[in-house]
Amino acid sequence: MADFLLIHGAGHAAWVWDGVKGILEDDLRKQSSLYHTRYTAGKVLAPDLPGHGEKFYEDDPTHITFETCIEKLLKTIDTNKLKYPIIGAHSLSGLMGLELARRLVEKGNPPSAIVLVGAVVPDVFRNVMEMLPPPTRIALSVLRLMPGTPPESVKLHRELGLKLLCSDMRYAEASSQVLGRLHPIPLKPWDALPNPEALEPTCPVTYMLLKRDWFITSSSQKHMASNLKNATLIELDCGHEAPITTPQSVASALLQYAGPKEI
């Protein structure tokens, strides 16, 4: 059975993967010899990154870095004994997923595959934030100067979040599922430059391009997908929050790699 490690993006938390996680767990449950709602032979984990989710008020954003996030993900994999995990990464966590895959290869536990959902894949000499489309970068720069913003953070204005993140969602849906759950974005985890080896993963990669995404435009996504050699490109007619709005499509992309693996 397959193990899955799902990484959320900036300002989000594990909740963005809830729908996908349920579908994956149900698929594993149905394939298990012991058919029980609380038992699966594989594991599906979607941890909160440092400074996100329940840890937002506990972790100092000035001390949260790309490396602390990678260490948290590696610890999650080791503690839960995930074997050859399938990695899913959404939004700004694209580079994080690729670097995690590189580290797992070094540890002798290579991932089975990586699925990037509207995710940032930087050019070699650019960091994650520098890869965002100019309008998005400008908006975030202005918001960072707003009164009440925590240090080394940026808080996404509700109406801007509705336009950029929830372009395909009705307001009531967007408010309850996304906007009301966002928190200020710690900036340091997204300023690391990529290790060139991380941009050449040794496992299969699928890039899911979100055609109605205004936070990371489809043209930007297409360019970033081209940074990965031999990546399979899938286009979805949805906005930025694909794991929430189209969980079955995202889960299907992950499940295609869930067959037996020989090393």
C-alpha atoms as a PDB file:
ATOM      1  CA  MET A   1       0.000   0.000   0.000  1.00  0.00           C
ATOM      2  CA  ALA A   2       1.104   3.573  -0.636  1.00  0.00           C
ATOM      3  CA  ASP A   3       1.967   6.299   1.853  1.00  0.00           C
ATOM      4  CA  PHE A   4       1.178   9.947   1.124  1.00  0.00           C
ATOM      5  CA  LEU A   5       2.699  13.177   2.478  1.00  0.00           C
ATOM      6  CA  LEU A   6       0.698  16.305   1.581  1.00  0.00           C
ATOM      7  CA  ILE A   7       2.239  19.774   1.978  1.00  0.00           C
ATOM      8  CA  HIS A   8       0.094  22.900   2.219  1.00  0.00           C
ATOM      9  CA  GLY A   9       1.031  26.349   0.946  1.00  0.00           C
ATOM     10  CA  ALA A  10       1.701  29.680   2.655  1.00  0.00           C
ATOM     11  CA  GLY A  11      -0.938  31.035   5.023  1.00  0.00           C
ATOM     12  CA  HIS A  12      -2.862  27.771   4.759  1.00  0.00           C
ATOM     13  CA  ALA A  13      -2.680  24.659   6.929  1.00  0.00           C
ATOM     14  CA  ALA A  14      -3.506  20.963   6.823  1.00  0.00           C
ATOM     15  CA  TRP A  15      -7.193  21.813   6.271  1.00  0.00           C
ATOM     16  CA  VAL A  16      -6.591  22.578   2.586  1.00  0.00           C
ATOM     17  CA  TRP A  17      -6.028  18.840   2.028  1.00  0.00           C
ATOM     18  CA  ASP A  18      -9.041  17.553   4.008  1.00  0.00           C
ATOM     19  CA  GLY A  19     -11.120  16.563   0.976  1.00  0.00           C
ATOM     20  CA  VAL A  20      -8.218  14.948  -0.867  1.00  0.00           C
ATOM     21  CA  LYS A  21      -7.078  13.191   2.304  1.00  0.00           C
ATOM     22  CA  GLY A  22     -10.495  11.629   2.806  1.00  0.00           C
ATOM     23  CA  ILE A  23     -10.580  10.288  -0.759  1.00  0.00           C
ATOM     24  CA  LEU A  24      -7.075   8.821  -0.450  1.00  0.00           C
ATOM     25  CA  GLU A  25      -7.876   7.194   2.885  1.00  0.00           C
ATOM     26  CA  ASP A  26     -11.079   5.718   1.493  1.00  0.00           C
ATOM     27  CA  ASP A  27      -9.206   4.251  -1.480  1.00  0.00           C
ATOM     28  CA  LEU A  28      -6.594   2.695   0.809  1.00  0.00           C
ATOM     29  CA  ARG A  29      -9.306   1.383   3.119  1.00  0.00           C
ATOM     30  CA  LYS A  30     -11.077  -0.375   0.257  1.00  0.00           C
ATOM     31  CA  GLN A  31      -7.831  -1.989  -0.860  1.00  0.00           C
ATOM     32  CA  SER A  32      -6.948  -3.234   2.622  1.00  0.00           C
ATOM     33  CA  SER A  33      -7.405  -6.876   3.512  1.00  0.00           C
ATOM     34  CA  LEU A  34      -8.860  -5.684   6.816  1.00  0.00           C
ATOM     35  CA  TYR A  35     -11.837  -3.579   5.676  1.00  0.00           C
ATOM     36  CA  HIS A  36     -12.434  -1.119   8.500  1.00  0.00           C
ATOM     37  CA  THR A  37     -13.069   2.629   8.615  1.00  0.00           C
ATOM     38  CA  ARG A  38     -10.209   3.165  11.075  1.00  0.00           C
ATOM     39  CA  TYR A  39      -7.630   0.948   9.414  1.00  0.00           C
ATOM     40  CA  THR A  40      -5.631   1.290   6.226  1.00  0.00           C
ATOM     41  CA  ALA A  41      -2.417  -0.399   5.202  1.00  0.00           C
ATOM     42  CA  GLY A  42      -1.095   2.928   3.897  1.00  0.00           C
ATOM     43  CA  LYS A  43      -0.866   6.307   5.615  1.00  0.00           C
ATOM     44  CA  VAL A  44      -2.011   9.773   4.503  1.00  0.00           C
ATOM     45  CA  LEU A  45      -0.431  12.656   6.420  1.00  0.00           C
ATOM     46  CA  ALA A  46      -0.919  16.395   5.960  1.00  0.00           C
ATOM     47  CA  PRO A  47       1.070  18.107   8.729  1.00  0.00           C
ATOM     48  CA  ASP A  48       0.916  21.792   9.576  1.00  0.00           C
ATOM     49  CA  LEU A  49       4.179  23.511   8.680  1.00  0.00           C
ATOM     50  CA  PRO A  50       5.919  25.515  11.439  1.00  0.00           C
ATOM     51  CA  GLY A  51       4.146  28.834  11.951  1.00  0.00           C
ATOM     52  CA  HIS A  52       0.966  27.588  10.289  1.00  0.00           C
ATOM     53  CA  GLY A  53      -2.319  26.155  11.499  1.00  0.00           C
ATOM     54  CA  GLU A  54      -2.455  25.466  15.226  1.00  0.00           C
ATOM     55  CA  LYS A  55       1.193  26.518  15.548  1.00  0.00           C
ATOM     56  CA  PHE A  56       0.642  30.016  14.141  1.00  0.00           C
ATOM     57  CA  TYR A  57       0.441  31.708  17.539  1.00  0.00           C
ATOM     58  CA  GLU A  58       3.185  29.542  19.056  1.00  0.00           C
ATOM     59  CA  ASP A  59       5.979  29.900  16.493  1.00  0.00           C
ATOM     60  CA  ASP A  60       7.873  33.172  16.086  1.00  0.00           C
ATOM     61  CA  PRO A  61       7.670  34.025  12.346  1.00  0.00           C
ATOM     62  CA  THR A  62      11.161  35.538  12.482  1.00  0.00           C
ATOM     63  CA  HIS A  63      12.564  32.086  13.352  1.00  0.00           C
ATOM     64  CA  ILE A  64      10.653  30.059  10.760  1.00  0.00           C
ATOM     65  CA  THR A  65      12.770  29.201   7.717  1.00  0.00           C
ATOM     66  CA  PHE A  66      12.716  26.923   4.706  1.00  0.00           C
ATOM     67  CA  GLU A  67      15.036  24.571   6.584  1.00  0.00           C
ATOM     68  CA  THR A  68      12.840  24.362   9.699  1.00  0.00           C
ATOM     69  CA  CYS A  69       9.934  23.389   7.441  1.00  0.00           C
ATOM     70  CA  ILE A  70      11.976  20.683   5.696  1.00  0.00           C
ATOM     71  CA  GLU A  71      13.114  19.348   9.073  1.00  0.00           C
ATOM     72  CA  LYS A  72       9.491  19.162  10.265  1.00  0.00           C
ATOM     73  CA  LEU A  73       8.481  17.214   7.155  1.00  0.00           C
ATOM     74  CA  LEU A  74      11.411  14.800   7.458  1.00  0.00           C
ATOM     75  CA  LYS A  75      10.592  14.230  11.125  1.00  0.00           C
ATOM     76  CA  THR A  76       6.950  13.545  10.229  1.00  0.00           C
ATOM     77  CA  ILE A  77       8.035  10.936   7.687  1.00  0.00           C
ATOM     78  CA  ASP A  78      10.508   9.293  10.069  1.00  0.00           C
ATOM     79  CA  THR A  79       8.178   9.302  13.085  1.00  0.00           C
ATOM     80  CA  ASN A  80       5.306   7.788  11.131  1.00  0.00           C
ATOM     81  CA  LYS A  81       7.563   5.403   9.179  1.00  0.00           C
ATOM     82  CA  LEU A  82       6.324   6.471   5.754  1.00  0.00           C
ATOM     83  CA  LYS A  83       7.912   4.273   3.084  1.00  0.00           C
ATOM     84  CA  TYR A  84       8.618   5.659  -0.398  1.00  0.00           C
ATOM     85  CA  PRO A  85       5.925   8.329   0.063  1.00  0.00           C
ATOM     86  CA  ILE A  86       3.979   9.987  -2.707  1.00  0.00           C
ATOM     87  CA  ILE A  87       4.425  13.723  -2.143  1.00  0.00           C
ATOM     88  CA  GLY A  88       1.709  16.261  -2.888  1.00  0.00           C
ATOM     89  CA  ALA A  89       2.615  19.967  -2.766  1.00  0.00           C
ATOM     90  CA  HIS A  90       0.282  22.929  -3.251  1.00  0.00           C
ATOM     91  CA  SER A  91       1.010  26.562  -4.109  1.00  0.00           C
ATOM     92  CA  LEU A  92       4.187  28.058  -2.609  1.00  0.00           C
ATOM     93  CA  SER A  93       5.256  24.677  -1.192  1.00  0.00           C
ATOM     94  CA  GLY A  94       6.327  23.354  -4.610  1.00  0.00           C
ATOM     95  CA  LEU A  95      10.041  23.873  -3.977  1.00  0.00           C
ATOM     96  CA  MET A  96       9.604  22.424  -0.491  1.00  0.00           C
ATOM     97  CA  GLY A  97       8.197  19.229  -1.979  1.00  0.00           C
ATOM     98  CA  LEU A  98      11.052  18.963  -4.469  1.00  0.00           C
ATOM     99  CA  GLU A  99      13.733  19.583  -1.836  1.00  0.00           C
ATOM    100  CA  LEU A 100      12.074  17.076   0.483  1.00  0.00           C
ATOM    101  CA  ALA A 101      12.244  14.509  -2.314  1.00  0.00           C
ATOM    102  CA  ARG A 102      15.970  15.184  -2.758  1.00  0.00           C
ATOM    103  CA  ARG A 103      16.610  14.715   0.965  1.00  0.00           C
ATOM    104  CA  LEU A 104      14.623  11.473   1.005  1.00  0.00           C
ATOM    105  CA  VAL A 105      16.783  10.088  -1.807  1.00  0.00           C
ATOM    106  CA  GLU A 106      19.856  10.867   0.303  1.00  0.00           C
ATOM    107  CA  LYS A 107      18.271   9.039   3.250  1.00  0.00           C
ATOM    108  CA  GLY A 108      17.581   5.912   1.186  1.00  0.00           C
ATOM    109  CA  ASN A 109      13.807   6.410   1.220  1.00  0.00           C
ATOM    110  CA  PRO A 110      13.138   7.905  -2.234  1.00  0.00           C
ATOM    111  CA  PRO A 111       9.622   9.145  -2.967  1.00  0.00           C
ATOM    112  CA  SER A 112       7.473   7.178  -5.375  1.00  0.00           C
ATOM    113  CA  ALA A 113       6.290  10.352  -7.108  1.00  0.00           C
ATOM    114  CA  ILE A 114       5.613  14.068  -6.704  1.00  0.00           C
ATOM    115  CA  VAL A 115       2.350  15.807  -7.611  1.00  0.00           C
ATOM    116  CA  LEU A 116       2.571  19.603  -7.752  1.00  0.00           C
ATOM    117  CA  VAL A 117      -0.782  21.418  -7.593  1.00  0.00           C
ATOM    118  CA  GLY A 118      -0.507  24.941  -9.005  1.00  0.00           C
ATOM    119  CA  ALA A 119       2.863  24.988  -7.280  1.00  0.00           C
ATOM    120  CA  VAL A 120       5.881  27.269  -7.542  1.00  0.00           C
ATOM    121  CA  VAL A 121       8.969  25.722  -9.140  1.00  0.00           C
ATOM    122  CA  PRO A 122      11.651  28.446  -9.138  1.00  0.00           C
ATOM    123  CA  ASP A 123      14.269  29.157 -11.742  1.00  0.00           C
ATOM    124  CA  VAL A 124      17.722  28.161 -10.485  1.00  0.00           C
ATOM    125  CA  PHE A 125      18.741  31.608  -9.188  1.00  0.00           C
ATOM    126  CA  ARG A 126      15.345  32.849  -7.979  1.00  0.00           C
ATOM    127  CA  ASN A 127      13.420  32.164  -4.799  1.00  0.00           C
ATOM    128  CA  VAL A 128       9.753  31.256  -4.480  1.00  0.00           C
ATOM    129  CA  MET A 129       8.420  34.787  -3.909  1.00  0.00           C
ATOM    130  CA  GLU A 130      10.361  36.121  -6.897  1.00  0.00           C
ATOM    131  CA  MET A 131       8.542  33.646  -9.141  1.00  0.00           C
ATOM    132  CA  LEU A 132       5.091  35.035  -8.381  1.00  0.00           C
ATOM    133  CA  PRO A 133       3.453  37.124 -11.143  1.00  0.00           C
ATOM    134  CA  PRO A 134       4.243  40.884 -10.815  1.00  0.00           C
ATOM    135  CA  PRO A 135       0.699  41.905  -9.728  1.00  0.00           C
ATOM    136  CA  THR A 136       0.769  39.321  -6.928  1.00  0.00           C
ATOM    137  CA  ARG A 137       4.244  40.387  -5.782  1.00  0.00           C
ATOM    138  CA  ILE A 138       3.240  44.057  -5.747  1.00  0.00           C
ATOM    139  CA  ALA A 139       0.071  43.323  -3.784  1.00  0.00           C
ATOM    140  CA  LEU A 140       1.980  41.325  -1.167  1.00  0.00           C
ATOM    141  CA  SER A 141       4.637  44.050  -0.872  1.00  0.00           C
ATOM    142  CA  VAL A 142       1.969  46.679  -0.182  1.00  0.00           C
ATOM    143  CA  LEU A 143       0.129  44.481   2.320  1.00  0.00           C
ATOM    144  CA  ARG A 144       3.343  43.866   4.218  1.00  0.00           C
ATOM    145  CA  LEU A 145       3.390  47.587   5.110  1.00  0.00           C
ATOM    146  CA  MET A 146      -0.131  47.598   6.547  1.00  0.00           C
ATOM    147  CA  PRO A 147      -0.471  48.454  10.270  1.00  0.00           C
ATOM    148  CA  GLY A 148      -0.858  45.458  12.559  1.00  0.00           C
ATOM    149  CA  THR A 149       1.035  43.051  10.307  1.00  0.00           C
ATOM    150  CA  PRO A 150       3.304  40.719  12.343  1.00  0.00           C
ATOM    151  CA  PRO A 151       7.062  41.025  11.645  1.00  0.00           C
ATOM    152  CA  GLU A 152       8.385  39.023   8.684  1.00  0.00           C
ATOM    153  CA  SER A 153       4.800  38.312   7.636  1.00  0.00           C
ATOM    154  CA  VAL A 154       2.126  39.505   5.255  1.00  0.00           C
ATOM    155  CA  LYS A 155      -1.628  39.373   5.819  1.00  0.00           C
ATOM    156  CA  LEU A 156      -3.816  38.840   2.760  1.00  0.00           C
ATOM    157  CA  HIS A 157      -6.762  41.254   2.648  1.00  0.00           C
ATOM    158  CA  ARG A 158     -10.074  39.374   2.517  1.00  0.00           C
ATOM    159  CA  GLU A 159     -11.276  40.869  -0.786  1.00  0.00           C
ATOM    160  CA  LEU A 160      -7.885  40.348  -2.406  1.00  0.00           C
ATOM    161  CA  GLY A 161      -7.861  36.767  -1.175  1.00  0.00           C
ATOM    162  CA  LEU A 162     -11.295  36.264  -2.696  1.00  0.00           C
ATOM    163  CA  LYS A 163     -10.067  37.485  -6.085  1.00  0.00           C
ATOM    164  CA  LEU A 164      -6.664  35.784  -6.154  1.00  0.00           C
ATOM    165  CA  LEU A 165      -7.318  32.503  -4.354  1.00  0.00           C
ATOM    166  CA  CYS A 166     -11.037  31.882  -4.810  1.00  0.00           C
ATOM    167  CA  SER A 167     -11.719  33.058  -8.368  1.00  0.00           C
ATOM    168  CA  ASP A 168     -13.929  30.029  -9.040  1.00  0.00           C
ATOM    169  CA  MET A 169     -15.794  30.000  -5.710  1.00  0.00           C
ATOM    170  CA  ARG A 170     -18.965  31.713  -4.484  1.00  0.00           C
ATOM    171  CA  TYR A 171     -18.363  34.094  -1.584  1.00  0.00           C
ATOM    172  CA  ALA A 172     -20.181  31.981   1.016  1.00  0.00           C
ATOM    173  CA  GLU A 173     -18.136  28.939   0.020  1.00  0.00           C
ATOM    174  CA  ALA A 174     -14.877  30.896  -0.157  1.00  0.00           C
ATOM    175  CA  SER A 175     -15.481  32.547   3.214  1.00  0.00           C
ATOM    176  CA  SER A 176     -16.181  29.349   5.131  1.00  0.00           C
ATOM    177  CA  GLN A 177     -13.638  27.087   3.440  1.00  0.00           C
ATOM    178  CA  VAL A 178     -10.710  29.436   2.788  1.00  0.00           C
ATOM    179  CA  LEU A 179     -10.861  33.118   3.726  1.00  0.00           C
ATOM    180  CA  GLY A 180     -11.986  32.605   7.308  1.00  0.00           C
ATOM    181  CA  ARG A 181      -9.172  30.123   7.902  1.00  0.00           C
ATOM    182  CA  LEU A 182      -6.209  31.988   6.428  1.00  0.00           C
ATOM    183  CA  HIS A 183      -3.608  33.556   8.709  1.00  0.00           C
ATOM    184  CA  PRO A 184      -0.677  35.916   8.020  1.00  0.00           C
ATOM    185  CA  ILE A 185       1.978  34.370   5.818  1.00  0.00           C
ATOM    186  CA  PRO A 186       5.453  33.924   7.368  1.00  0.00           C
ATOM    187  CA  LEU A 187       7.837  35.137   4.665  1.00  0.00           C
ATOM    188  CA  LYS A 188      11.172  33.520   5.505  1.00  0.00           C
ATOM    189  CA  PRO A 189      10.271  29.960   4.408  1.00  0.00           C
ATOM    190  CA  TRP A 190       9.834  31.210   0.863  1.00  0.00           C
ATOM    191  CA  ASP A 191      13.105  33.146   0.392  1.00  0.00           C
ATOM    192  CA  ALA A 192      15.430  30.155  -0.087  1.00  0.00           C
ATOM    193  CA  LEU A 193      17.100  29.549  -3.431  1.00  0.00           C
ATOM    194  CA  PRO A 194      16.605  26.088  -4.937  1.00  0.00           C
ATOM    195  CA  ASN A 195      19.257  23.414  -4.870  1.00  0.00           C
ATOM    196  CA  PRO A 196      19.693  22.649  -8.606  1.00  0.00           C
ATOM    197  CA  GLU A 197      19.509  18.918  -7.843  1.00  0.00           C
ATOM    198  CA  ALA A 198      16.014  19.405  -6.405  1.00  0.00           C
ATOM    199  CA  LEU A 199      14.858  20.625  -9.821  1.00  0.00           C
ATOM    200  CA  GLU A 200      15.877  17.289 -11.343  1.00  0.00           C
ATOM    201  CA  PRO A 201      13.872  14.775  -9.299  1.00  0.00           C
ATOM    202  CA  THR A 202      14.597  11.105  -9.855  1.00  0.00           C
ATOM    203  CA  CYS A 203      10.953  10.065  -9.472  1.00  0.00           C
ATOM    204  CA  PRO A 204       7.929  10.711 -11.728  1.00  0.00           C
ATOM    205  CA  VAL A 205       6.429  14.204 -11.445  1.00  0.00           C
ATOM    206  CA  THR A 206       2.962  15.454 -12.348  1.00  0.00           C
ATOM    207  CA  TYR A 207       2.287  19.192 -12.532  1.00  0.00           C
ATOM    208  CA  MET A 208      -1.374  20.205 -12.224  1.00  0.00           C
ATOM    209  CA  LEU A 209      -1.872  23.560 -13.954  1.00  0.00           C
ATOM    210  CA  LEU A 210      -4.838  25.536 -12.576  1.00  0.00           C
ATOM    211  CA  LYS A 211      -6.283  27.504 -15.492  1.00  0.00           C
ATOM    212  CA  ARG A 212      -8.384  29.944 -13.430  1.00  0.00           C
ATOM    213  CA  ASP A 213      -5.784  30.694 -10.774  1.00  0.00           C
ATOM    214  CA  TRP A 214      -5.177  34.427 -10.285  1.00  0.00           C
ATOM    215  CA  PHE A 215      -2.619  34.079  -7.491  1.00  0.00           C
ATOM    216  CA  ILE A 216      -0.178  32.168  -9.709  1.00  0.00           C
ATOM    217  CA  THR A 217      -1.397  32.723 -13.257  1.00  0.00           C
ATOM    218  CA  SER A 218      -1.618  29.852 -15.723  1.00  0.00           C
ATOM    219  CA  SER A 219       1.161  31.348 -17.866  1.00  0.00           C
ATOM    220  CA  SER A 220       3.437  31.503 -14.811  1.00  0.00           C
ATOM    221  CA  GLN A 221       2.556  27.926 -13.926  1.00  0.00           C
ATOM    222  CA  LYS A 222       3.313  26.758 -17.448  1.00  0.00           C
ATOM    223  CA  HIS A 223       6.756  28.354 -17.257  1.00  0.00           C
ATOM    224  CA  MET A 224       7.448  26.776 -13.875  1.00  0.00           C
ATOM    225  CA  ALA A 225       6.320  23.353 -15.032  1.00  0.00           C
ATOM    226  CA  SER A 226       8.852  23.651 -17.854  1.00  0.00           C
ATOM    227  CA  ASN A 227      11.610  23.911 -15.223  1.00  0.00           C
ATOM    228  CA  LEU A 228      11.063  20.206 -14.551  1.00  0.00           C
ATOM    229  CA  LYS A 229      12.316  17.725 -17.118  1.00  0.00           C
ATOM    230  CA  ASN A 230       9.800  15.114 -18.239  1.00  0.00           C
ATOM    231  CA  ALA A 231       7.030  16.310 -15.915  1.00  0.00           C
ATOM    232  CA  THR A 232       3.519  15.230 -16.912  1.00  0.00           C
ATOM    233  CA  LEU A 233       1.271  18.283 -17.301  1.00  0.00           C
ATOM    234  CA  ILE A 234      -2.418  18.106 -16.360  1.00  0.00           C
ATOM    235  CA  GLU A 235      -4.701  21.129 -16.758  1.00  0.00           C
ATOM    236  CA  LEU A 236      -7.636  21.726 -14.411  1.00  0.00           C
ATOM    237  CA  ASP A 237     -10.354  24.303 -15.076  1.00  0.00           C
ATOM    238  CA  CYS A 238     -10.311  25.723 -11.553  1.00  0.00           C
ATOM    239  CA  GLY A 239      -8.806  28.403  -9.340  1.00  0.00           C
ATOM    240  CA  HIS A 240      -5.991  28.341  -6.805  1.00  0.00           C
ATOM    241  CA  GLU A 241      -7.675  26.196  -4.151  1.00  0.00           C
ATOM    242  CA  ALA A 242      -7.885  23.036  -6.279  1.00  0.00           C
ATOM    243  CA  PRO A 243      -7.488  20.608  -3.346  1.00  0.00           C
ATOM    244  CA  ILE A 244     -10.712  22.106  -1.948  1.00  0.00           C
ATOM    245  CA  THR A 245     -12.738  22.692  -5.122  1.00  0.00           C
ATOM    246  CA  THR A 246     -11.666  19.634  -7.146  1.00  0.00           C
ATOM    247  CA  PRO A 247     -10.476  17.090  -4.549  1.00  0.00           C
ATOM    248  CA  GLN A 248     -11.307  14.069  -6.708  1.00  0.00           C
ATOM    249  CA  SER A 249      -9.116  15.282  -9.590  1.00  0.00           C
ATOM    250  CA  VAL A 250      -6.201  16.000  -7.265  1.00  0.00           C
ATOM    251  CA  ALA A 251      -6.629  12.680  -5.456  1.00  0.00           C
ATOM    252  CA  SER A 252      -6.739  10.806  -8.775  1.00  0.00           C
ATOM    253  CA  ALA A 253      -3.414  12.360  -9.804  1.00  0.00           C
ATOM    254  CA  LEU A 254      -1.877  11.129  -6.545  1.00  0.00           C
ATOM    255  CA  LEU A 255      -3.472   7.686  -6.706  1.00  0.00           C
ATOM    256  CA  GLN A 256      -2.085   6.975 -10.176  1.00  0.00           C
ATOM    257  CA  TYR A 257       1.266   6.383  -8.440  1.00  0.00           C
ATOM    258  CA  ALA A 258      -0.113   4.203  -5.643  1.00  0.00           C
ATOM    259  CA  GLY A 259       0.807   0.834  -7.155  1.00  0.00           C
ATOM    260  CA  PRO A 260       3.464  -1.480  -5.679  1.00  0.00           C
ATOM    261  CA  LYS A 261       7.022  -0.138  -5.762  1.00  0.00           C
ATOM    262  CA  GLU A 262      10.211  -2.140  -6.064  1.00  0.00           C
ATOM    263  CA  ILE A 263      13.549  -0.677  -5.066  1.00  0.00           C
END
